Amino acid sequence: MEGNDRFFRELKAAGRACLLLATLFVAPSVNAAPPPVVIAHESLPDNAITLPMLRAIFSMRLQSLQGERLTVFVLDSRHPDHEAFSKEVLGVFPYQLQNAWNRVIFSGTGRGPVTVESSQEMLRRVSQTPGGVGYVTGPVDHPGVRVISMEAGR
C-alpha cells in the first residue's frame, strides 16, 4: 500500500508541474505585441471590411473594391508580423495563403501580392499606391494611409 501512495503522490506532483508549464506556455504574455492592423491607401472607399472580404483580398481572389484595382502588399512569409497577421487576423496559416497565391498565379487568373521587406516599406508603398492594401503591427501615423476596421459579418 505504501508503494501505491508514493506512486500517486509523485504522479500528483508531476501533474502539477505539467499544469504549471502548460499555463506558462499558454497564458498570454504581458508584453505581447498587439495584433497587426489592416491598412489601405486613402483612395479606397471602405472604412470597414468583413473577414471573408479581407480573406478574399489577401488570397488574391478579390482584385478590385468598388471599381478600384487593389494592390496587395505583404511581408515575407517567414516574417513574424506576417505569421501573426495570417493567424490572428485572417485565421489561416501562412502556407495556406502561399498556396492560394500559387493557384492564382499558376492558373493565370491573377497576380500574387507584392512582398516588402519591412513595416516602414509597407507604409511607404501603401501610401504611394492607389488601391494599396497591407498590414502593420504598431502605430499607423503615415500620410496617405488609413486603418481599415473589421466589420461584423460572415
Foldseek 3Di string as FASTA:
>chain_A
DVVVVVVVVVVVVVVVVVVVVVCVVPPDDPPDFDQKFKKAFPQADAQADALVVVLCVLLVVDQADPPWGAAEEEEPLPDPNRQRCCCVPNNHGSVVSVVSQCCCVVVVVDHHHHYDHDPVVLLVVRQVDHNYMYIDTDDDDHPRMDTRHYDDDD
